[in-house]
Amino acid sequence: MNKWQVICPVVAIAIFALVTALIRGRKEHDYFIRITTYGVGRDIIATTNSSHLIKIGPGLQVRLSELLVSPTHIASVLLGDEPSPIGDGSACSRLVLTNEVADGVVIRLRQADTPGTFHVLGFLRATDQSRQ
């Protein structure tokens, strides 16, 4: 038996295992981002702040106070950034909150150095109709 007949299948199996592990790790990372972003939304609705956020700027505080006058819910959690020109690719997720009068906000989040925490990159006004 030629040594290449042994080496090639072993290398192929190793590459397959590596690719599978990378894909699985990415899925777990995306799940972590999605769940943590959802937790930020729950916190904001309950207390107008979240321990997962490094800082909420005054503009977002004003926008949240306007939004939360009516019962508010998490409309969606989206991975990635808004398309250009709003997004620049640096957000890992977006939190979409809407209230009963179809007023909403999209909050762009970037992972901070501390696991499970985010920087607020920005926010924009949204309505239920524009996010569906």
C-alpha atoms as a PDB file:
ATOM      1  CA  MET A   1       0.000   0.000   0.000  1.00  0.00           C
ATOM      2  CA  ASN A   2       1.302   3.429  -0.971  1.00  0.00           C
ATOM      3  CA  LYS A   3       1.747   5.944   1.870  1.00  0.00           C
ATOM      4  CA  TRP A   4      -0.323   8.510  -0.074  1.00  0.00           C
ATOM      5  CA  GLN A   5      -3.265   6.121  -0.049  1.00  0.00           C
ATOM      6  CA  VAL A   6      -3.205   6.423   3.738  1.00  0.00           C
ATOM      7  CA  ILE A   7      -2.252  10.105   4.080  1.00  0.00           C
ATOM      8  CA  CYS A   8      -4.859  11.530   1.662  1.00  0.00           C
ATOM      9  CA  PRO A   9      -7.932  10.052   3.403  1.00  0.00           C
ATOM     10  CA  VAL A  10      -6.551  11.005   6.836  1.00  0.00           C
ATOM     11  CA  VAL A  11      -5.977  14.604   5.674  1.00  0.00           C
ATOM     12  CA  ALA A  12      -9.461  14.712   4.106  1.00  0.00           C
ATOM     13  CA  ILE A  13     -11.023  13.524   7.361  1.00  0.00           C
ATOM     14  CA  ALA A  14      -9.023  16.096   9.351  1.00  0.00           C
ATOM     15  CA  ILE A  15     -10.101  18.929   7.018  1.00  0.00           C
ATOM     16  CA  PHE A  16     -13.728  17.808   7.242  1.00  0.00           C
ATOM     17  CA  ALA A  17     -13.550  17.738  11.059  1.00  0.00           C
ATOM     18  CA  LEU A  18     -11.983  21.217  11.149  1.00  0.00           C
ATOM     19  CA  VAL A  19     -14.585  22.734   8.817  1.00  0.00           C
ATOM     20  CA  THR A  20     -17.407  21.104  10.793  1.00  0.00           C
ATOM     21  CA  ALA A  21     -16.014  22.493  14.057  1.00  0.00           C
ATOM     22  CA  LEU A  22     -15.695  25.978  12.572  1.00  0.00           C
ATOM     23  CA  ILE A  23     -19.266  25.936  11.277  1.00  0.00           C
ATOM     24  CA  ARG A  24     -20.569  24.675  14.605  1.00  0.00           C
ATOM     25  CA  GLY A  25     -18.587  27.353  16.486  1.00  0.00           C
ATOM     26  CA  ARG A  26     -20.042  30.067  14.241  1.00  0.00           C
ATOM     27  CA  LYS A  27     -23.586  28.806  14.850  1.00  0.00           C
ATOM     28  CA  GLU A  28     -22.996  28.818  18.612  1.00  0.00           C
ATOM     29  CA  HIS A  29     -21.559  32.354  18.426  1.00  0.00           C
ATOM     30  CA  ASP A  30     -24.560  33.571  16.402  1.00  0.00           C
ATOM     31  CA  TYR A  31     -26.911  31.930  18.913  1.00  0.00           C
ATOM     32  CA  PHE A  32     -25.085  33.645  21.790  1.00  0.00           C
ATOM     33  CA  ILE A  33     -25.312  37.058  20.064  1.00  0.00           C
ATOM     34  CA  ARG A  34     -29.013  36.549  19.290  1.00  0.00           C
ATOM     35  CA  ILE A  35     -29.910  35.479  22.847  1.00  0.00           C
ATOM     36  CA  THR A  36     -27.876  38.247  24.485  1.00  0.00           C
ATOM     37  CA  THR A  37     -29.384  40.870  22.158  1.00  0.00           C
ATOM     38  CA  TYR A  38     -32.837  39.547  23.037  1.00  0.00           C
ATOM     39  CA  GLY A  39     -31.924  39.949  26.729  1.00  0.00           C
ATOM     40  CA  VAL A  40     -30.928  43.567  26.073  1.00  0.00           C
ATOM     41  CA  GLY A  41     -34.381  44.136  24.581  1.00  0.00           C
ATOM     42  CA  ARG A  42     -36.148  42.606  27.564  1.00  0.00           C
ATOM     43  CA  ASP A  43     -34.068  44.739  29.935  1.00  0.00           C
ATOM     44  CA  ILE A  44     -34.723  47.964  28.008  1.00  0.00           C
ATOM     45  CA  ILE A  45     -38.470  47.330  27.948  1.00  0.00           C
ATOM     46  CA  ALA A  46     -38.501  46.605  31.685  1.00  0.00           C
ATOM     47  CA  THR A  47     -36.082  49.246  32.977  1.00  0.00           C
ATOM     48  CA  THR A  48     -35.006  51.503  30.032  1.00  0.00           C
ATOM     49  CA  ASN A  49     -31.447  50.233  30.514  1.00  0.00           C
ATOM     50  CA  SER A  50     -29.484  46.972  30.396  1.00  0.00           C
ATOM     51  CA  SER A  51     -26.466  45.632  32.206  1.00  0.00           C
ATOM     52  CA  HIS A  52     -25.374  44.225  28.833  1.00  0.00           C
ATOM     53  CA  LEU A  53     -24.898  47.727  27.411  1.00  0.00           C
ATOM     54  CA  ILE A  54     -21.739  49.734  28.043  1.00  0.00           C
ATOM     55  CA  LYS A  55     -23.610  53.031  27.688  1.00  0.00           C
ATOM     56  CA  ILE A  56     -26.919  54.396  26.435  1.00  0.00           C
ATOM     57  CA  GLY A  57     -26.477  57.870  25.024  1.00  0.00           C
ATOM     58  CA  PRO A  58     -28.884  60.718  25.749  1.00  0.00           C
ATOM     59  CA  GLY A  59     -30.405  60.586  22.253  1.00  0.00           C
ATOM     60  CA  LEU A  60     -31.353  56.941  22.643  1.00  0.00           C
ATOM     61  CA  GLN A  61     -32.663  57.575  26.155  1.00  0.00           C
ATOM     62  CA  VAL A  62     -35.008  60.238  24.767  1.00  0.00           C
ATOM     63  CA  ARG A  63     -36.098  57.946  21.927  1.00  0.00           C
ATOM     64  CA  LEU A  64     -36.786  55.079  24.348  1.00  0.00           C
ATOM     65  CA  SER A  65     -38.805  57.325  26.644  1.00  0.00           C
ATOM     66  CA  GLU A  66     -40.967  58.278  23.634  1.00  0.00           C
ATOM     67  CA  LEU A  67     -41.329  54.653  22.550  1.00  0.00           C
ATOM     68  CA  LEU A  68     -42.068  53.160  25.961  1.00  0.00           C
ATOM     69  CA  VAL A  69     -45.116  55.341  26.678  1.00  0.00           C
ATOM     70  CA  SER A  70     -47.089  52.587  24.943  1.00  0.00           C
ATOM     71  CA  PRO A  71     -46.663  48.850  25.638  1.00  0.00           C
ATOM     72  CA  THR A  72     -43.553  47.773  23.739  1.00  0.00           C
ATOM     73  CA  HIS A  73     -42.275  44.411  22.551  1.00  0.00           C
ATOM     74  CA  ILE A  74     -39.269  42.960  20.766  1.00  0.00           C
ATOM     75  CA  ALA A  75     -40.221  42.854  17.103  1.00  0.00           C
ATOM     76  CA  SER A  76     -37.052  41.065  16.034  1.00  0.00           C
ATOM     77  CA  VAL A  77     -33.384  40.446  16.642  1.00  0.00           C
ATOM     78  CA  LEU A  78     -31.325  40.564  13.476  1.00  0.00           C
ATOM     79  CA  LEU A  79     -27.738  39.469  13.004  1.00  0.00           C
ATOM     80  CA  GLY A  80     -25.395  41.805  11.157  1.00  0.00           C
ATOM     81  CA  ASP A  81     -25.613  45.482  10.333  1.00  0.00           C
ATOM     82  CA  GLU A  82     -28.036  47.703   8.468  1.00  0.00           C
ATOM     83  CA  PRO A  83     -27.327  48.105   4.773  1.00  0.00           C
ATOM     84  CA  SER A  84     -25.262  51.091   3.689  1.00  0.00           C
ATOM     85  CA  PRO A  85     -25.500  54.084   4.092  1.00  0.00           C
ATOM     86  CA  ILE A  86     -26.851  53.548   7.635  1.00  0.00           C
ATOM     87  CA  GLY A  87     -24.683  50.564   8.507  1.00  0.00           C
ATOM     88  CA  ASP A  88     -20.967  50.231   7.961  1.00  0.00           C
ATOM     89  CA  GLY A  89     -20.666  46.512   8.724  1.00  0.00           C
ATOM     90  CA  SER A  90     -19.465  46.988  12.299  1.00  0.00           C
ATOM     91  CA  ALA A  91     -22.687  45.966  14.091  1.00  0.00           C
ATOM     92  CA  CYS A  92     -23.005  42.327  15.110  1.00  0.00           C
ATOM     93  CA  SER A  93     -26.748  42.596  15.720  1.00  0.00           C
ATOM     94  CA  ARG A  94     -29.759  44.863  15.597  1.00  0.00           C
ATOM     95  CA  LEU A  95     -32.568  45.025  18.118  1.00  0.00           C
ATOM     96  CA  VAL A  96     -35.950  46.093  16.769  1.00  0.00           C
ATOM     97  CA  LEU A  97     -38.454  47.316  19.362  1.00  0.00           C
ATOM     98  CA  THR A  98     -41.995  48.366  18.478  1.00  0.00           C
ATOM     99  CA  ASN A  99     -44.983  49.475  20.481  1.00  0.00           C
ATOM    100  CA  GLU A 100     -48.746  49.174  20.119  1.00  0.00           C
ATOM    101  CA  VAL A 101     -49.009  52.348  18.026  1.00  0.00           C
ATOM    102  CA  ALA A 102     -46.517  50.924  15.470  1.00  0.00           C
ATOM    103  CA  ASP A 103     -43.734  53.265  16.539  1.00  0.00           C
ATOM    104  CA  GLY A 104     -40.351  51.604  16.705  1.00  0.00           C
ATOM    105  CA  VAL A 105     -36.618  51.844  17.025  1.00  0.00           C
ATOM    106  CA  VAL A 106     -33.756  49.812  15.568  1.00  0.00           C
ATOM    107  CA  ILE A 107     -30.697  49.740  17.826  1.00  0.00           C
ATOM    108  CA  ARG A 108     -27.367  48.767  16.238  1.00  0.00           C
ATOM    109  CA  LEU A 109     -25.083  46.838  18.600  1.00  0.00           C
ATOM    110  CA  ARG A 110     -21.401  45.847  18.461  1.00  0.00           C
ATOM    111  CA  GLN A 111     -19.852  43.314  20.813  1.00  0.00           C
ATOM    112  CA  ALA A 112     -17.628  44.862  23.480  1.00  0.00           C
ATOM    113  CA  ASP A 113     -14.401  43.376  24.833  1.00  0.00           C
ATOM    114  CA  THR A 114     -16.244  41.897  27.814  1.00  0.00           C
ATOM    115  CA  PRO A 115     -18.251  38.847  26.681  1.00  0.00           C
ATOM    116  CA  GLY A 116     -21.997  39.434  26.732  1.00  0.00           C
ATOM    117  CA  THR A 117     -21.751  43.227  26.563  1.00  0.00           C
ATOM    118  CA  PHE A 118     -22.386  45.601  23.684  1.00  0.00           C
ATOM    119  CA  HIS A 119     -21.656  49.111  22.519  1.00  0.00           C
ATOM    120  CA  VAL A 120     -24.595  51.012  21.019  1.00  0.00           C
ATOM    121  CA  LEU A 121     -23.420  52.116  17.576  1.00  0.00           C
ATOM    122  CA  GLY A 122     -26.566  54.038  16.778  1.00  0.00           C
ATOM    123  CA  PHE A 123     -30.287  53.823  16.394  1.00  0.00           C
ATOM    124  CA  LEU A 124     -32.967  54.787  13.915  1.00  0.00           C
ATOM    125  CA  ARG A 125     -36.704  55.224  13.929  1.00  0.00           C
ATOM    126  CA  ALA A 126     -38.662  52.309  12.504  1.00  0.00           C
ATOM    127  CA  THR A 127     -42.245  51.196  12.119  1.00  0.00           C
ATOM    128  CA  ASP A 128     -43.698  47.693  12.084  1.00  0.00           C
ATOM    129  CA  GLN A 129     -44.506  48.046   8.395  1.00  0.00           C
ATOM    130  CA  SER A 130     -40.930  48.929   7.383  1.00  0.00           C
ATOM    131  CA  ARG A 131     -39.400  45.933   9.232  1.00  0.00           C
ATOM    132  CA  GLN A 132     -41.702  43.177   7.959  1.00  0.00           C
END
